[in-house]
Amino acid sequence: MDLSELEPVERRSTAAIVADRLRTAIMRGTFPPGTQLGEVELAARLGVSRGPLREAMQRLVAEGLLRSERHRGLFVRDLDEADVRDVYTARAAVERAAGLLLLTGDRAGVAERLTAALERMEEVADDPVALADADHAFHHEFVAASGSPRLRRMADALLVETRMCLAALQDTLPPATALIAEHRELRDAVRDGDTGRLTAVLESHMADAVERIIAPDAAPGAPAVPA
């Protein structure tokens, strides 16, 4: 009997689970930038004691998603244009490194998984929230394929900040057609093992997203912003 494909069950602390719930809520705009998070209300809502909740919230402070104000409590961070540029600069570096690693592995397998993520984007193209979720999943899969746990952790934190950027600085999203086309180019570069093309597409993708978030009316017909 071959059990080599079975992976151990992941054991996670209550604090880790709570941190994930809070990240998702911040990412989806349930807690907009500037929102104060109250321990008593959150602990009751999540059904946990305040100890694990505090640990989870401190994790998010360390990740830069929350800020602590003395004698006032914890707040969802506000993001400005400098933050947007910094988030996408960091994402470009992380995803470029991940891309170079994944090109040395099973490109066909990675391209197949990215194709599935692309198909999901196409299915939900008319739903901005679902499209942003699908876009997030595409980039998570892209970085995860590198095999680097550290790159994956950094990318996941940056993807949450990406959604915060969108919530803070843009209220509407243009059509998604060109956005999906950009992701298809990225998938094709992986499939073909084209390092130069992969790097160029990533850099263009991130730079364009910054300008669309900061000045969404500057380029009529620009692709939908999630990147």
Protein backbone atom coordinates (compact mmCIF):
# COMPACT_ATOMS: atom_id res chain seq x y z
CA MET A 1 0.00 0.00 0.00
CA ASP A 2 1.48 3.35 -1.10
CA LEU A 3 0.66 6.14 1.36
CA SER A 4 3.26 8.56 0.03
CA GLU A 5 0.64 10.99 -1.30
CA LEU A 6 -1.12 11.35 2.05
CA GLU A 7 -0.10 14.51 3.86
CA PRO A 8 -0.20 14.92 7.65
CA VAL A 9 -3.26 16.67 9.06
CA GLU A 10 -2.35 20.25 9.86
CA ARG A 11 -2.73 21.10 13.52
CA ARG A 12 -3.49 24.75 14.04
CA SER A 13 -3.88 26.80 17.16
CA THR A 14 -7.03 28.77 17.92
CA ALA A 15 -5.03 31.96 17.49
CA ALA A 16 -3.95 30.93 13.98
CA ILE A 17 -7.55 30.16 12.99
CA VAL A 18 -8.78 33.46 14.42
CA ALA A 19 -5.99 35.34 12.60
CA ASP A 20 -7.13 33.77 9.32
CA ARG A 21 -10.74 34.82 9.97
CA LEU A 22 -9.69 38.38 10.72
CA ARG A 23 -7.42 38.54 7.66
CA THR A 24 -10.29 37.43 5.45
CA ALA A 25 -12.65 39.98 7.00
CA ILE A 26 -10.11 42.77 6.45
CA MET A 27 -9.42 41.57 2.91
CA ARG A 28 -13.12 41.55 2.00
CA GLY A 29 -13.75 44.98 3.47
CA THR A 30 -15.84 43.77 6.42
CA PHE A 31 -13.49 45.90 8.51
CA PRO A 32 -12.60 48.92 6.33
CA PRO A 33 -9.36 50.87 6.87
CA GLY A 34 -9.56 52.90 10.06
CA THR A 35 -12.01 50.56 11.80
CA GLN A 36 -11.39 49.97 15.49
CA LEU A 37 -11.55 46.30 16.51
CA GLY A 38 -13.12 45.70 19.90
CA GLU A 39 -11.95 42.62 21.79
CA VAL A 40 -15.19 41.95 23.67
CA GLU A 41 -17.40 42.07 20.58
CA LEU A 42 -15.00 40.05 18.42
CA ALA A 43 -14.44 37.39 21.07
CA ALA A 44 -18.21 36.93 21.43
CA ARG A 45 -18.75 36.87 17.67
CA LEU A 46 -15.98 34.32 17.06
CA GLY A 47 -16.79 32.24 20.12
CA VAL A 48 -13.27 32.37 21.52
CA SER A 49 -11.66 33.66 24.69
CA ARG A 50 -9.80 36.96 24.65
CA GLY A 51 -6.38 35.30 25.02
CA PRO A 52 -6.26 33.65 21.56
CA LEU A 53 -7.98 36.71 20.08
CA ARG A 54 -5.27 39.01 21.42
CA GLU A 55 -2.57 36.69 20.08
CA ALA A 56 -4.26 36.67 16.66
CA MET A 57 -4.56 40.44 16.60
CA GLN A 58 -0.90 40.86 17.52
CA ARG A 59 -0.01 38.64 14.57
CA LEU A 60 -1.90 41.03 12.32
CA VAL A 61 -0.10 43.98 13.89
CA ALA A 62 3.21 42.27 13.06
CA GLU A 63 1.98 41.71 9.49
CA GLY A 64 1.12 45.39 9.14
CA LEU A 65 -2.63 44.86 8.77
CA LEU A 66 -3.51 46.40 12.14
CA ARG A 67 -1.99 49.32 14.03
CA SER A 68 -1.93 49.80 17.79
CA GLU A 69 -2.71 53.14 19.42
CA ARG A 70 -1.77 53.55 23.06
CA HIS A 71 -4.80 53.77 25.34
CA ARG A 72 -7.13 53.47 22.34
CA GLY A 73 -6.76 49.96 20.98
CA LEU A 74 -6.25 48.31 17.60
CA PHE A 75 -7.33 49.69 14.24
CA VAL A 76 -7.27 48.45 10.65
CA ARG A 77 -4.44 50.30 8.96
CA ASP A 78 -5.20 53.18 6.63
CA LEU A 79 -3.36 52.99 3.30
CA ASP A 80 -2.23 55.90 1.15
CA GLU A 81 -0.64 56.14 -2.30
CA ALA A 82 2.84 55.45 -0.92
CA ASP A 83 1.53 52.26 0.68
CA VAL A 84 -0.01 51.16 -2.62
CA ARG A 85 3.28 51.61 -4.46
CA ASP A 86 5.17 49.81 -1.70
CA VAL A 87 2.75 46.86 -1.63
CA TYR A 88 3.01 46.32 -5.38
CA THR A 89 6.80 46.78 -5.40
CA ALA A 90 7.06 44.05 -2.77
CA ARG A 91 4.61 41.83 -4.64
CA ALA A 92 6.60 42.21 -7.85
CA ALA A 93 9.77 41.10 -6.06
CA VAL A 94 8.11 38.12 -4.37
CA GLU A 95 6.27 36.92 -7.46
CA ARG A 96 9.31 37.37 -9.69
CA ALA A 97 11.34 35.18 -7.33
CA ALA A 98 8.53 32.63 -7.22
CA GLY A 99 8.27 32.65 -11.00
CA LEU A 100 11.97 31.93 -11.47
CA LEU A 101 11.71 28.99 -9.08
CA LEU A 102 8.59 27.45 -10.57
CA LEU A 103 10.08 27.58 -14.07
CA THR A 104 12.66 25.04 -12.94
CA GLY A 105 9.96 22.53 -11.94
CA ASP A 106 6.86 20.95 -13.45
CA ARG A 107 5.79 23.79 -15.74
CA ALA A 108 3.01 21.79 -17.36
CA GLY A 109 1.49 20.93 -14.00
CA VAL A 110 1.68 24.53 -12.81
CA ALA A 111 0.17 25.79 -16.07
CA GLU A 112 -2.70 23.34 -15.64
CA ARG A 113 -3.46 24.66 -12.15
CA LEU A 114 -3.22 28.25 -13.35
CA THR A 115 -5.61 27.39 -16.17
CA ALA A 116 -8.16 26.19 -13.62
CA ALA A 117 -7.72 29.48 -11.73
CA LEU A 118 -8.15 31.41 -14.99
CA GLU A 119 -11.36 29.56 -15.77
CA ARG A 120 -12.70 30.55 -12.37
CA MET A 121 -11.89 34.20 -13.14
CA GLU A 122 -13.79 33.93 -16.40
CA GLU A 123 -16.80 32.36 -14.66
CA VAL A 124 -17.14 35.22 -12.17
CA ALA A 125 -16.01 38.11 -14.38
CA ASP A 126 -19.26 40.02 -13.78
CA ASP A 127 -18.99 39.84 -9.98
CA PRO A 128 -16.28 42.23 -8.68
CA VAL A 129 -15.95 40.57 -5.27
CA ALA A 130 -15.82 37.04 -6.67
CA LEU A 131 -13.40 38.19 -9.37
CA ALA A 132 -11.09 39.66 -6.74
CA ASP A 133 -11.26 36.35 -4.84
CA ALA A 134 -10.43 34.42 -8.02
CA ASP A 135 -7.57 36.80 -8.81
CA HIS A 136 -6.24 36.28 -5.28
CA ALA A 137 -6.46 32.50 -5.76
CA PHE A 138 -4.55 32.72 -9.07
CA HIS A 139 -1.63 34.57 -7.49
CA HIS A 140 -1.67 32.33 -4.42
CA GLU A 141 -1.39 29.29 -6.71
CA PHE A 142 1.36 30.98 -8.74
CA VAL A 143 3.56 31.62 -5.68
CA ALA A 144 2.71 28.31 -3.99
CA ALA A 145 3.98 26.52 -7.10
CA SER A 146 7.47 27.84 -6.33
CA GLY A 147 7.67 25.40 -3.43
CA SER A 148 8.91 28.12 -1.08
CA PRO A 149 6.90 28.39 2.16
CA ARG A 150 8.46 31.76 2.95
CA LEU A 151 7.59 33.28 -0.41
CA ARG A 152 4.07 31.91 0.00
CA ARG A 153 3.67 33.48 3.44
CA MET A 154 4.95 36.84 2.21
CA ALA A 155 2.72 36.71 -0.85
CA ASP A 156 -0.40 35.86 1.15
CA ALA A 157 0.15 38.82 3.49
CA LEU A 158 0.74 41.12 0.52
CA LEU A 159 -2.41 39.87 -1.21
CA VAL A 160 -4.46 40.89 1.82
CA GLU A 161 -2.85 44.35 1.68
CA THR A 162 -3.65 44.48 -2.03
CA ARG A 163 -7.34 44.07 -1.24
CA MET A 164 -7.01 46.78 1.41
CA CYS A 165 -5.51 49.09 -1.23
CA LEU A 166 -8.49 48.52 -3.48
CA ALA A 167 -10.98 49.14 -0.68
CA ALA A 168 -9.21 52.30 0.44
CA LEU A 169 -8.51 54.00 -2.87
CA GLN A 170 -10.97 52.83 -5.51
CA ASP A 171 -14.74 52.49 -5.47
CA THR A 172 -15.46 51.04 -8.91
CA LEU A 173 -13.88 48.42 -11.13
CA PRO A 174 -13.74 48.60 -14.94
CA PRO A 175 -14.53 45.54 -17.10
CA ALA A 176 -12.45 42.43 -16.43
CA THR A 177 -11.60 41.31 -19.98
CA ALA A 178 -8.09 42.75 -20.14
CA LEU A 179 -7.32 41.67 -16.57
CA ILE A 180 -8.05 38.07 -17.49
CA ALA A 181 -5.96 38.45 -20.65
CA GLU A 182 -2.98 39.59 -18.55
CA HIS A 183 -3.29 36.53 -16.34
CA ARG A 184 -3.53 34.32 -19.42
CA GLU A 185 -0.24 35.82 -20.64
CA LEU A 186 1.32 34.93 -17.32
CA ARG A 187 0.03 31.36 -17.57
CA ASP A 188 1.36 31.08 -21.12
CA ALA A 189 4.81 32.31 -20.08
CA VAL A 190 4.91 29.61 -17.39
CA ARG A 191 3.78 26.93 -19.82
CA ASP A 192 6.40 27.97 -22.40
CA GLY A 193 9.21 28.39 -19.87
CA ASP A 194 9.85 31.93 -21.11
CA THR A 195 11.73 33.69 -18.31
CA GLY A 196 11.97 37.06 -20.04
CA ARG A 197 8.30 37.13 -20.91
CA LEU A 198 7.29 36.02 -17.42
CA THR A 199 9.31 38.80 -15.80
CA ALA A 200 8.04 41.43 -18.23
CA VAL A 201 4.39 40.44 -17.78
CA LEU A 202 4.70 40.48 -13.98
CA GLU A 203 6.37 43.89 -13.90
CA SER A 204 3.84 45.39 -16.31
CA HIS A 205 0.96 43.79 -14.44
CA MET A 206 2.01 45.28 -11.10
CA ALA A 207 2.93 48.72 -12.46
CA ASP A 208 -0.36 49.03 -14.35
CA ALA A 209 -2.34 47.99 -11.27
CA VAL A 210 -0.73 50.76 -9.20
CA GLU A 211 -1.71 53.42 -11.70
CA ARG A 212 -5.25 52.09 -12.01
CA ILE A 213 -5.75 52.17 -8.25
CA ILE A 214 -4.26 55.63 -7.78
CA ALA A 215 -5.72 57.22 -10.92
CA PRO A 216 -8.56 54.95 -12.13
CA ASP A 217 -9.83 57.53 -14.63
CA ALA A 218 -6.44 58.17 -16.22
CA ALA A 219 -6.69 55.32 -18.72
CA PRO A 220 -10.16 54.81 -20.23
CA GLY A 221 -10.95 51.17 -20.75
CA ALA A 222 -8.21 50.04 -18.39
CA PRO A 223 -8.45 46.48 -17.08
CA ALA A 224 -10.11 45.69 -13.80
CA VAL A 225 -7.75 46.48 -10.98
CA PRO A 226 -7.28 43.29 -8.92
CA ALA A 227 -3.81 41.94 -9.64
